[in-house]
Amino acid sequence: MIAHHYRLYIERHDPGQNMARFYALSIEETLFGQACLVRRWGRIGTRGRMVQHSFDSEREAVGLFLEILRTKRMRGYRPRSSRRHAEATPPD
């Protein structure tokens, strides 16, 4: 059984390269009680791709979760900014 909920959604934007990407991570429990790290990524607005990694322990899944997070942060991925969405919404 998984003790904590792990979910992360990050984005990377670079208008100069027409780049708008997302990366989502979550740790879920399988029907067999294993920890499963689910990775989704792609261009914002698409379904993207998905890969699942199964582990015998939650600790192993969290280790890979944190390793991927460090790598993505170094590449420029950041949490979605609410300011950007507020600017895109027209005032009433």
PDB file of N, CA and C in Angstrom:
ATOM      1  N   MET A   1       0.839  -1.181   0.000  1.00  0.00           N
ATOM      2  CA  MET A   1       0.000   0.000   0.000  1.00  0.00           C
ATOM      3  C   MET A   1       0.887   1.248   0.000  1.00  0.00           C
ATOM      4  N   ILE A   2       0.505   2.234  -0.759  1.00  0.00           N
ATOM      5  CA  ILE A   2       1.286   3.465  -0.871  1.00  0.00           C
ATOM      6  C   ILE A   2       0.901   4.404   0.267  1.00  0.00           C
ATOM      7  N   ALA A   3       1.906   4.904   0.974  1.00  0.00           N
ATOM      8  CA  ALA A   3       1.672   5.744   2.155  1.00  0.00           C
ATOM      9  C   ALA A   3       1.293   7.176   1.784  1.00  0.00           C
ATOM     10  N   HIS A   4       1.849   7.709   0.711  1.00  0.00           N
ATOM     11  CA  HIS A   4       1.619   9.104   0.328  1.00  0.00           C
ATOM     12  C   HIS A   4       1.195   9.182  -1.140  1.00  0.00           C
ATOM     13  N   HIS A   5       0.561  10.293  -1.487  1.00  0.00           N
ATOM     14  CA  HIS A   5       0.209  10.536  -2.885  1.00  0.00           C
ATOM     15  C   HIS A   5       1.316  11.368  -3.516  1.00  0.00           C
ATOM     16  N   TYR A   6       1.817  10.913  -4.629  1.00  0.00           N
ATOM     17  CA  TYR A   6       2.867  11.624  -5.359  1.00  0.00           C
ATOM     18  C   TYR A   6       2.324  11.993  -6.732  1.00  0.00           C
ATOM     19  N   ARG A   7       2.200  13.285  -6.988  1.00  0.00           N
ATOM     20  CA  ARG A   7       1.755  13.775  -8.294  1.00  0.00           C
ATOM     21  C   ARG A   7       2.527  15.049  -8.601  1.00  0.00           C
ATOM     22  N   LEU A   8       2.952  15.173  -9.846  1.00  0.00           N
ATOM     23  CA  LEU A   8       3.695  16.355 -10.258  1.00  0.00           C
ATOM     24  C   LEU A   8       3.366  16.662 -11.713  1.00  0.00           C
ATOM     25  N   TYR A   9       3.155  17.945 -11.993  1.00  0.00           N
ATOM     26  CA  TYR A   9       2.935  18.399 -13.366  1.00  0.00           C
ATOM     27  C   TYR A   9       3.823  19.609 -13.572  1.00  0.00           C
ATOM     28  N   ILE A  10       4.724  19.540 -14.548  1.00  0.00           N
ATOM     29  CA  ILE A  10       5.640  20.641 -14.845  1.00  0.00           C
ATOM     30  C   ILE A  10       5.618  20.938 -16.335  1.00  0.00           C
ATOM     31  N   GLU A  11       6.014  22.160 -16.678  1.00  0.00           N
ATOM     32  CA  GLU A  11       6.008  22.583 -18.078  1.00  0.00           C
ATOM     33  C   GLU A  11       7.318  23.270 -18.426  1.00  0.00           C
ATOM     34  N   ARG A  12       7.588  23.296 -19.724  1.00  0.00           N
ATOM     35  CA  ARG A  12       8.747  24.012 -20.261  1.00  0.00           C
ATOM     36  C   ARG A  12       8.283  24.801 -21.476  1.00  0.00           C
ATOM     37  N   HIS A  13       8.542  26.102 -21.455  1.00  0.00           N
ATOM     38  CA  HIS A  13       8.141  26.987 -22.547  1.00  0.00           C
ATOM     39  C   HIS A  13       9.363  27.705 -23.098  1.00  0.00           C
ATOM     40  N   ASP A  14       9.444  27.780 -24.412  1.00  0.00           N
ATOM     41  CA  ASP A  14      10.468  28.568 -25.090  1.00  0.00           C
ATOM     42  C   ASP A  14       9.856  29.057 -26.401  1.00  0.00           C
ATOM     43  N   PRO A  15       9.262  30.269 -26.378  1.00  0.00           N
ATOM     44  CA  PRO A  15       8.601  30.776 -27.593  1.00  0.00           C
ATOM     45  C   PRO A  15       9.551  30.895 -28.782  1.00  0.00           C
ATOM     46  N   GLY A  16      10.829  31.158 -28.545  1.00  0.00           N
ATOM     47  CA  GLY A  16      11.796  31.287 -29.632  1.00  0.00           C
ATOM     48  C   GLY A  16      11.972  30.000 -30.419  1.00  0.00           C
ATOM     49  N   GLN A  17      11.775  28.862 -29.749  1.00  0.00           N
ATOM     50  CA  GLN A  17      11.889  27.562 -30.412  1.00  0.00           C
ATOM     51  C   GLN A  17      10.526  26.906 -30.628  1.00  0.00           C
ATOM     52  N   ASN A  18       9.444  27.675 -30.387  1.00  0.00           N
ATOM     53  CA  ASN A  18       8.084  27.155 -30.498  1.00  0.00           C
ATOM     54  C   ASN A  18       7.908  25.914 -29.624  1.00  0.00           C
ATOM     55  N   MET A  19       8.433  25.986 -28.401  1.00  0.00           N
ATOM     56  CA  MET A  19       8.406  24.855 -27.491  1.00  0.00           C
ATOM     57  C   MET A  19       7.389  25.090 -26.381  1.00  0.00           C
ATOM     58  N   ALA A  20       6.505  24.151 -26.190  1.00  0.00           N
ATOM     59  CA  ALA A  20       5.540  24.162 -25.099  1.00  0.00           C
ATOM     60  C   ALA A  20       5.311  22.702 -24.708  1.00  0.00           C
ATOM     61  N   ARG A  21       6.071  22.226 -23.726  1.00  0.00           N
ATOM     62  CA  ARG A  21       6.041  20.816 -23.346  1.00  0.00           C
ATOM     63  C   ARG A  21       5.552  20.643 -21.921  1.00  0.00           C
ATOM     64  N   PHE A  22       5.014  19.470 -21.645  1.00  0.00           N
ATOM     65  CA  PHE A  22       4.623  19.133 -20.279  1.00  0.00           C
ATOM     66  C   PHE A  22       5.267  17.815 -19.887  1.00  0.00           C
ATOM     67  N   TYR A  23       5.353  17.593 -18.578  1.00  0.00           N
ATOM     68  CA  TYR A  23       5.861  16.350 -18.032  1.00  0.00           C
ATOM     69  C   TYR A  23       5.083  16.088 -16.758  1.00  0.00           C
ATOM     70  N   ALA A  24       4.469  14.936 -16.644  1.00  0.00           N
ATOM     71  CA  ALA A  24       3.672  14.593 -15.471  1.00  0.00           C
ATOM     72  C   ALA A  24       4.187  13.288 -14.874  1.00  0.00           C
ATOM     73  N   LEU A  25       4.288  13.260 -13.556  1.00  0.00           N
ATOM     74  CA  LEU A  25       4.725  12.072 -12.829  1.00  0.00           C
ATOM     75  C   LEU A  25       3.710  11.765 -11.734  1.00  0.00           C
ATOM     76  N   SER A  26       3.462  10.500 -11.488  1.00  0.00           N
ATOM     77  CA  SER A  26       2.634  10.096 -10.359  1.00  0.00           C
ATOM     78  C   SER A  26       3.054   8.694  -9.931  1.00  0.00           C
ATOM     79  N   ILE A  27       2.855   8.415  -8.659  1.00  0.00           N
ATOM     80  CA  ILE A  27       3.095   7.074  -8.130  1.00  0.00           C
ATOM     81  C   ILE A  27       1.748   6.537  -7.685  1.00  0.00           C
ATOM     82  N   GLU A  28       1.392   5.388  -8.220  1.00  0.00           N
ATOM     83  CA  GLU A  28       0.105   4.773  -7.946  1.00  0.00           C
ATOM     84  C   GLU A  28       0.323   3.324  -7.545  1.00  0.00           C
ATOM     85  N   GLU A  29      -0.700   2.739  -6.961  1.00  0.00           N
ATOM     86  CA  GLU A  29      -0.622   1.340  -6.567  1.00  0.00           C
ATOM     87  C   GLU A  29      -1.270   0.470  -7.637  1.00  0.00           C
ATOM     88  N   THR A  30      -0.617  -0.641  -7.975  1.00  0.00           N
ATOM     89  CA  THR A  30      -1.188  -1.567  -8.952  1.00  0.00           C
ATOM     90  C   THR A  30      -2.181  -2.498  -8.254  1.00  0.00           C
ATOM     91  N   LEU A  31      -2.889  -3.283  -9.024  1.00  0.00           N
ATOM     92  CA  LEU A  31      -3.825  -4.255  -8.459  1.00  0.00           C
ATOM     93  C   LEU A  31      -3.117  -5.303  -7.606  1.00  0.00           C
ATOM     94  N   PHE A  32      -1.825  -5.477  -7.844  1.00  0.00           N
ATOM     95  CA  PHE A  32      -1.055  -6.483  -7.122  1.00  0.00           C
ATOM     96  C   PHE A  32      -0.302  -5.896  -5.937  1.00  0.00           C
ATOM     97  N   GLY A  33      -0.578  -4.635  -5.601  1.00  0.00           N
ATOM     98  CA  GLY A  33       0.041  -4.007  -4.434  1.00  0.00           C
ATOM     99  C   GLY A  33       1.422  -3.420  -4.675  1.00  0.00           C
ATOM    100  N   GLN A  34       1.872  -3.404  -5.911  1.00  0.00           N
ATOM    101  CA  GLN A  34       3.174  -2.823  -6.219  1.00  0.00           C
ATOM    102  C   GLN A  34       3.034  -1.323  -6.415  1.00  0.00           C
ATOM    103  N   ALA A  35       4.148  -0.617  -6.259  1.00  0.00           N
ATOM    104  CA  ALA A  35       4.189   0.811  -6.563  1.00  0.00           C
ATOM    105  C   ALA A  35       4.484   0.962  -8.049  1.00  0.00           C
ATOM    106  N   CYS A  36       3.759   1.843  -8.704  1.00  0.00           N
ATOM    107  CA  CYS A  36       3.918   2.053 -10.142  1.00  0.00           C
ATOM    108  C   CYS A  36       4.161   3.538 -10.401  1.00  0.00           C
ATOM    109  N   LEU A  37       5.300   3.861 -10.981  1.00  0.00           N
ATOM    110  CA  LEU A  37       5.601   5.236 -11.371  1.00  0.00           C
ATOM    111  C   LEU A  37       5.093   5.426 -12.797  1.00  0.00           C
ATOM    112  N   VAL A  38       4.178   6.383 -12.964  1.00  0.00           N
ATOM    113  CA  VAL A  38       3.587   6.665 -14.272  1.00  0.00           C
ATOM    114  C   VAL A  38       4.172   7.981 -14.765  1.00  0.00           C
ATOM    115  N   ARG A  39       4.767   7.953 -15.948  1.00  0.00           N
ATOM    116  CA  ARG A  39       5.358   9.150 -16.567  1.00  0.00           C
ATOM    117  C   ARG A  39       4.585   9.472 -17.832  1.00  0.00           C
ATOM    118  N   ARG A  40       4.170  10.746 -17.967  1.00  0.00           N
ATOM    119  CA  ARG A  40       3.526  11.216 -19.193  1.00  0.00           C
ATOM    120  C   ARG A  40       4.243  12.477 -19.641  1.00  0.00           C
ATOM    121  N   TRP A  41       4.431  12.624 -20.963  1.00  0.00           N
ATOM    122  CA  TRP A  41       5.092  13.812 -21.481  1.00  0.00           C
ATOM    123  C   TRP A  41       4.680  14.061 -22.912  1.00  0.00           C
ATOM    124  N   GLY A  42       4.863  15.305 -23.362  1.00  0.00           N
ATOM    125  CA  GLY A  42       4.547  15.649 -24.741  1.00  0.00           C
ATOM    126  C   GLY A  42       4.311  17.136 -24.902  1.00  0.00           C
ATOM    127  N   ARG A  43       3.796  17.505 -26.044  1.00  0.00           N
ATOM    128  CA  ARG A  43       3.478  18.904 -26.317  1.00  0.00           C
ATOM    129  C   ARG A  43       2.186  19.258 -25.592  1.00  0.00           C
ATOM    130  N   ILE A  44       2.150  20.438 -24.986  1.00  0.00           N
ATOM    131  CA  ILE A  44       0.959  20.885 -24.278  1.00  0.00           C
ATOM    132  C   ILE A  44      -0.215  20.917 -25.255  1.00  0.00           C
ATOM    133  N   GLY A  45      -1.337  20.351 -24.835  1.00  0.00           N
ATOM    134  CA  GLY A  45      -2.522  20.282 -25.677  1.00  0.00           C
ATOM    135  C   GLY A  45      -2.688  18.940 -26.365  1.00  0.00           C
ATOM    136  N   THR A  46      -1.694  18.042 -26.216  1.00  0.00           N
ATOM    137  CA  THR A  46      -1.798  16.710 -26.801  1.00  0.00           C
ATOM    138  C   THR A  46      -1.875  15.678 -25.681  1.00  0.00           C
ATOM    139  N   ARG A  47      -2.171  14.449 -26.032  1.00  0.00           N
ATOM    140  CA  ARG A  47      -2.188  13.363 -25.040  1.00  0.00           C
ATOM    141  C   ARG A  47      -0.770  12.984 -24.635  1.00  0.00           C
ATOM    142  N   GLY A  48       0.167  13.161 -25.542  1.00  0.00           N
ATOM    143  CA  GLY A  48       1.548  12.818 -25.247  1.00  0.00           C
ATOM    144  C   GLY A  48       1.777  11.316 -25.188  1.00  0.00           C
ATOM    145  N   ARG A  49       2.870  10.953 -24.569  1.00  0.00           N
ATOM    146  CA  ARG A  49       3.245   9.543 -24.420  1.00  0.00           C
ATOM    147  C   ARG A  49       3.194   9.163 -22.947  1.00  0.00           C
ATOM    148  N   MET A  50       3.163   7.857 -22.691  1.00  0.00           N
ATOM    149  CA  MET A  50       3.113   7.381 -21.319  1.00  0.00           C
ATOM    150  C   MET A  50       3.970   6.132 -21.154  1.00  0.00           C
ATOM    151  N   VAL A  51       4.669   6.060 -20.016  1.00  0.00           N
ATOM    152  CA  VAL A  51       5.457   4.887 -19.657  1.00  0.00           C
ATOM    153  C   VAL A  51       5.180   4.588 -18.189  1.00  0.00           C
ATOM    154  N   GLN A  52       5.081   3.297 -17.859  1.00  0.00           N
ATOM    155  CA  GLN A  52       4.875   2.889 -16.474  1.00  0.00           C
ATOM    156  C   GLN A  52       6.043   2.031 -16.018  1.00  0.00           C
ATOM    157  N   HIS A  53       6.493   2.277 -14.787  1.00  0.00           N
ATOM    158  CA  HIS A  53       7.570   1.494 -14.181  1.00  0.00           C
ATOM    159  C   HIS A  53       7.022   0.877 -12.897  1.00  0.00           C
ATOM    160  N   SER A  54       7.107  -0.430 -12.743  1.00  0.00           N
ATOM    161  CA  SER A  54       6.624  -1.105 -11.535  1.00  0.00           C
ATOM    162  C   SER A  54       7.788  -1.404 -10.602  1.00  0.00           C
ATOM    163  N   PHE A  55       7.542  -1.243  -9.307  1.00  0.00           N
ATOM    164  CA  PHE A  55       8.550  -1.479  -8.285  1.00  0.00           C
ATOM    165  C   PHE A  55       7.934  -2.306  -7.164  1.00  0.00           C
ATOM    166  N   ASP A  56       8.795  -3.044  -6.462  1.00  0.00           N
ATOM    167  CA  ASP A  56       8.327  -3.827  -5.317  1.00  0.00           C
ATOM    168  C   ASP A  56       8.076  -2.956  -4.100  1.00  0.00           C
ATOM    169  N   SER A  57       8.753  -1.796  -4.031  1.00  0.00           N
ATOM    170  CA  SER A  57       8.566  -0.926  -2.872  1.00  0.00           C
ATOM    171  C   SER A  57       8.323   0.517  -3.301  1.00  0.00           C
ATOM    172  N   GLU A  58       7.617   1.237  -2.448  1.00  0.00           N
ATOM    173  CA  GLU A  58       7.350   2.651  -2.698  1.00  0.00           C
ATOM    174  C   GLU A  58       8.656   3.444  -2.700  1.00  0.00           C
ATOM    175  N   ARG A  59       9.591   3.035  -1.871  1.00  0.00           N
ATOM    176  CA  ARG A  59      10.875   3.732  -1.757  1.00  0.00           C
ATOM    177  C   ARG A  59      11.619   3.765  -3.101  1.00  0.00           C
ATOM    178  N   GLU A  60      11.620   2.651  -3.818  1.00  0.00           N
ATOM    179  CA  GLU A  60      12.283   2.596  -5.122  1.00  0.00           C
ATOM    180  C   GLU A  60      11.598   3.528  -6.125  1.00  0.00           C
ATOM    181  N   ALA A  61      10.275   3.545  -6.093  1.00  0.00           N
ATOM    182  CA  ALA A  61       9.515   4.409  -7.006  1.00  0.00           C
ATOM    183  C   ALA A  61       9.797   5.879  -6.705  1.00  0.00           C
ATOM    184  N   VAL A  62       9.859   6.228  -5.423  1.00  0.00           N
ATOM    185  CA  VAL A  62      10.139   7.612  -5.035  1.00  0.00           C
ATOM    186  C   VAL A  62      11.552   8.006  -5.465  1.00  0.00           C
ATOM    187  N   GLY A  63      12.508   7.086  -5.375  1.00  0.00           N
ATOM    188  CA  GLY A  63      13.878   7.366  -5.812  1.00  0.00           C
ATOM    189  C   GLY A  63      13.930   7.758  -7.281  1.00  0.00           C
ATOM    190  N   LEU A  64      13.245   7.004  -8.139  1.00  0.00           N
ATOM    191  CA  LEU A  64      13.224   7.339  -9.566  1.00  0.00           C
ATOM    192  C   LEU A  64      12.439   8.621  -9.803  1.00  0.00           C
ATOM    193  N   PHE A  65      11.334   8.821  -9.080  1.00  0.00           N
ATOM    194  CA  PHE A  65      10.532  10.042  -9.171  1.00  0.00           C
ATOM    195  C   PHE A  65      11.427  11.260  -8.932  1.00  0.00           C
ATOM    196  N   LEU A  66      12.212  11.239  -7.855  1.00  0.00           N
ATOM    197  CA  LEU A  66      13.076  12.372  -7.515  1.00  0.00           C
ATOM    198  C   LEU A  66      14.214  12.553  -8.513  1.00  0.00           C
ATOM    199  N   GLU A  67      14.756  11.453  -9.015  1.00  0.00           N
ATOM    200  CA  GLU A  67      15.824  11.529 -10.015  1.00  0.00           C
ATOM    201  C   GLU A  67      15.323  12.185 -11.304  1.00  0.00           C
ATOM    202  N   ILE A  68      14.143  11.788 -11.750  1.00  0.00           N
ATOM    203  CA  ILE A  68      13.556  12.377 -12.958  1.00  0.00           C
ATOM    204  C   ILE A  68      13.251  13.852 -12.729  1.00  0.00           C
ATOM    205  N   LEU A  69      12.719  14.172 -11.557  1.00  0.00           N
ATOM    206  CA  LEU A  69      12.412  15.566 -11.231  1.00  0.00           C
ATOM    207  C   LEU A  69      13.668  16.433 -11.285  1.00  0.00           C
ATOM    208  N   ARG A  70      14.760  15.978 -10.703  1.00  0.00           N
ATOM    209  CA  ARG A  70      16.023  16.744 -10.749  1.00  0.00           C
ATOM    210  C   ARG A  70      16.475  16.971 -12.191  1.00  0.00           C
ATOM    211  N   THR A  71      16.397  15.938 -13.000  1.00  0.00           N
ATOM    212  CA  THR A  71      16.810  16.047 -14.398  1.00  0.00           C
ATOM    213  C   THR A  71      15.945  17.054 -15.149  1.00  0.00           C
ATOM    214  N   LYS A  72      14.645  16.988 -14.956  1.00  0.00           N
ATOM    215  CA  LYS A  72      13.738  17.900 -15.660  1.00  0.00           C
ATOM    216  C   LYS A  72      13.914  19.337 -15.189  1.00  0.00           C
ATOM    217  N   ARG A  73      14.151  19.547 -13.905  1.00  0.00           N
ATOM    218  CA  ARG A  73      14.383  20.906 -13.402  1.00  0.00           C
ATOM    219  C   ARG A  73      15.651  21.501 -14.028  1.00  0.00           C
ATOM    220  N   MET A  74      16.682  20.688 -14.189  1.00  0.00           N
ATOM    221  CA  MET A  74      17.924  21.159 -14.814  1.00  0.00           C
ATOM    222  C   MET A  74      17.688  21.520 -16.277  1.00  0.00           C
ATOM    223  N   ARG A  75      16.717  20.894 -16.920  1.00  0.00           N
ATOM    224  CA  ARG A  75      16.421  21.178 -18.331  1.00  0.00           C
ATOM    225  C   ARG A  75      15.451  22.334 -18.513  1.00  0.00           C
ATOM    226  N   GLY A  76      14.987  22.933 -17.406  1.00  0.00           N
ATOM    227  CA  GLY A  76      14.142  24.117 -17.513  1.00  0.00           C
ATOM    228  C   GLY A  76      12.667  23.911 -17.253  1.00  0.00           C
ATOM    229  N   TYR A  77      12.255  22.730 -16.849  1.00  0.00           N
ATOM    230  CA  TYR A  77      10.846  22.490 -16.538  1.00  0.00           C
ATOM    231  C   TYR A  77      10.518  23.125 -15.190  1.00  0.00           C
ATOM    232  N   ARG A  78       9.345  23.758 -15.112  1.00  0.00           N
ATOM    233  CA  ARG A  78       8.894  24.425 -13.892  1.00  0.00           C
ATOM    234  C   ARG A  78       7.399  24.153 -13.695  1.00  0.00           C
ATOM    235  N   PRO A  79       6.902  24.293 -12.453  1.00  0.00           N
ATOM    236  CA  PRO A  79       5.455  24.148 -12.240  1.00  0.00           C
ATOM    237  C   PRO A  79       4.695  25.168 -13.066  1.00  0.00           C
ATOM    238  N   ARG A  80       3.499  24.812 -13.454  1.00  0.00           N
ATOM    239  CA  ARG A  80       2.662  25.701 -14.261  1.00  0.00           C
ATOM    240  C   ARG A  80       2.419  26.990 -13.488  1.00  0.00           C
ATOM    241  N   SER A  81       2.570  28.108 -14.145  1.00  0.00           N
ATOM    242  CA  SER A  81       2.399  29.415 -13.516  1.00  0.00           C
ATOM    243  C   SER A  81       0.947  29.850 -13.601  1.00  0.00           C
ATOM    244  N   SER A  82       0.336  30.170 -12.461  1.00  0.00           N
ATOM    245  CA  SER A  82      -1.040  30.655 -12.472  1.00  0.00           C
ATOM    246  C   SER A  82      -1.094  32.065 -13.045  1.00  0.00           C
ATOM    247  N   ARG A  83       0.001  32.822 -12.950  1.00  0.00           N
ATOM    248  CA  ARG A  83       0.073  34.176 -13.502  1.00  0.00           C
ATOM    249  C   ARG A  83      -0.121  34.146 -15.010  1.00  0.00           C
ATOM    250  N   ARG A  84       0.504  33.188 -15.700  1.00  0.00           N
ATOM    251  CA  ARG A  84       0.399  33.096 -17.147  1.00  0.00           C
ATOM    252  C   ARG A  84      -1.046  32.842 -17.558  1.00  0.00           C
ATOM    253  N   HIS A  85      -1.752  31.994 -16.808  1.00  0.00           N
ATOM    254  CA  HIS A  85      -3.144  31.699 -17.129  1.00  0.00           C
ATOM    255  C   HIS A  85      -4.044  32.885 -16.805  1.00  0.00           C
ATOM    256  N   ALA A  86      -3.705  33.641 -15.775  1.00  0.00           N
ATOM    257  CA  ALA A  86      -4.494  34.821 -15.429  1.00  0.00           C
ATOM    258  C   ALA A  86      -4.359  35.876 -16.520  1.00  0.00           C
ATOM    259  N   GLU A  87      -3.164  36.003 -17.119  1.00  0.00           N
ATOM    260  CA  GLU A  87      -2.956  36.975 -18.191  1.00  0.00           C
ATOM    261  C   GLU A  87      -3.724  36.587 -19.446  1.00  0.00           C
ATOM    262  N   ALA A  88      -3.890  35.293 -19.675  1.00  0.00           N
ATOM    263  CA  ALA A  88      -4.567  34.816 -20.876  1.00  0.00           C
ATOM    264  C   ALA A  88      -6.088  34.943 -20.753  1.00  0.00           C
ATOM    265  N   THR A  89      -6.580  35.057 -19.519  1.00  0.00           N
ATOM    266  CA  THR A  89      -8.017  35.169 -19.311  1.00  0.00           C
ATOM    267  C   THR A  89      -8.446  36.616 -19.423  1.00  0.00           C
ATOM    268  N   PRO A  90      -9.392  36.928 -20.316  1.00  0.00           N
ATOM    269  CA  PRO A  90      -9.814  38.327 -20.479  1.00  0.00           C
ATOM    270  C   PRO A  90     -10.574  38.798 -19.231  1.00  0.00           C
ATOM    271  N   PRO A  91     -10.395  40.067 -18.848  1.00  0.00           N
ATOM    272  CA  PRO A  91     -11.105  40.574 -17.676  1.00  0.00           C
ATOM    273  C   PRO A  91     -12.595  40.710 -17.964  1.00  0.00           C
ATOM    274  N   ASP A  92     -13.401  40.650 -16.885  1.00  0.00           N
ATOM    275  CA  ASP A  92     -14.869  40.771 -17.035  1.00  0.00           C
ATOM    276  C   ASP A  92     -15.303  42.206 -17.222  1.00  0.00           C
TER     277      ASP A  92
END
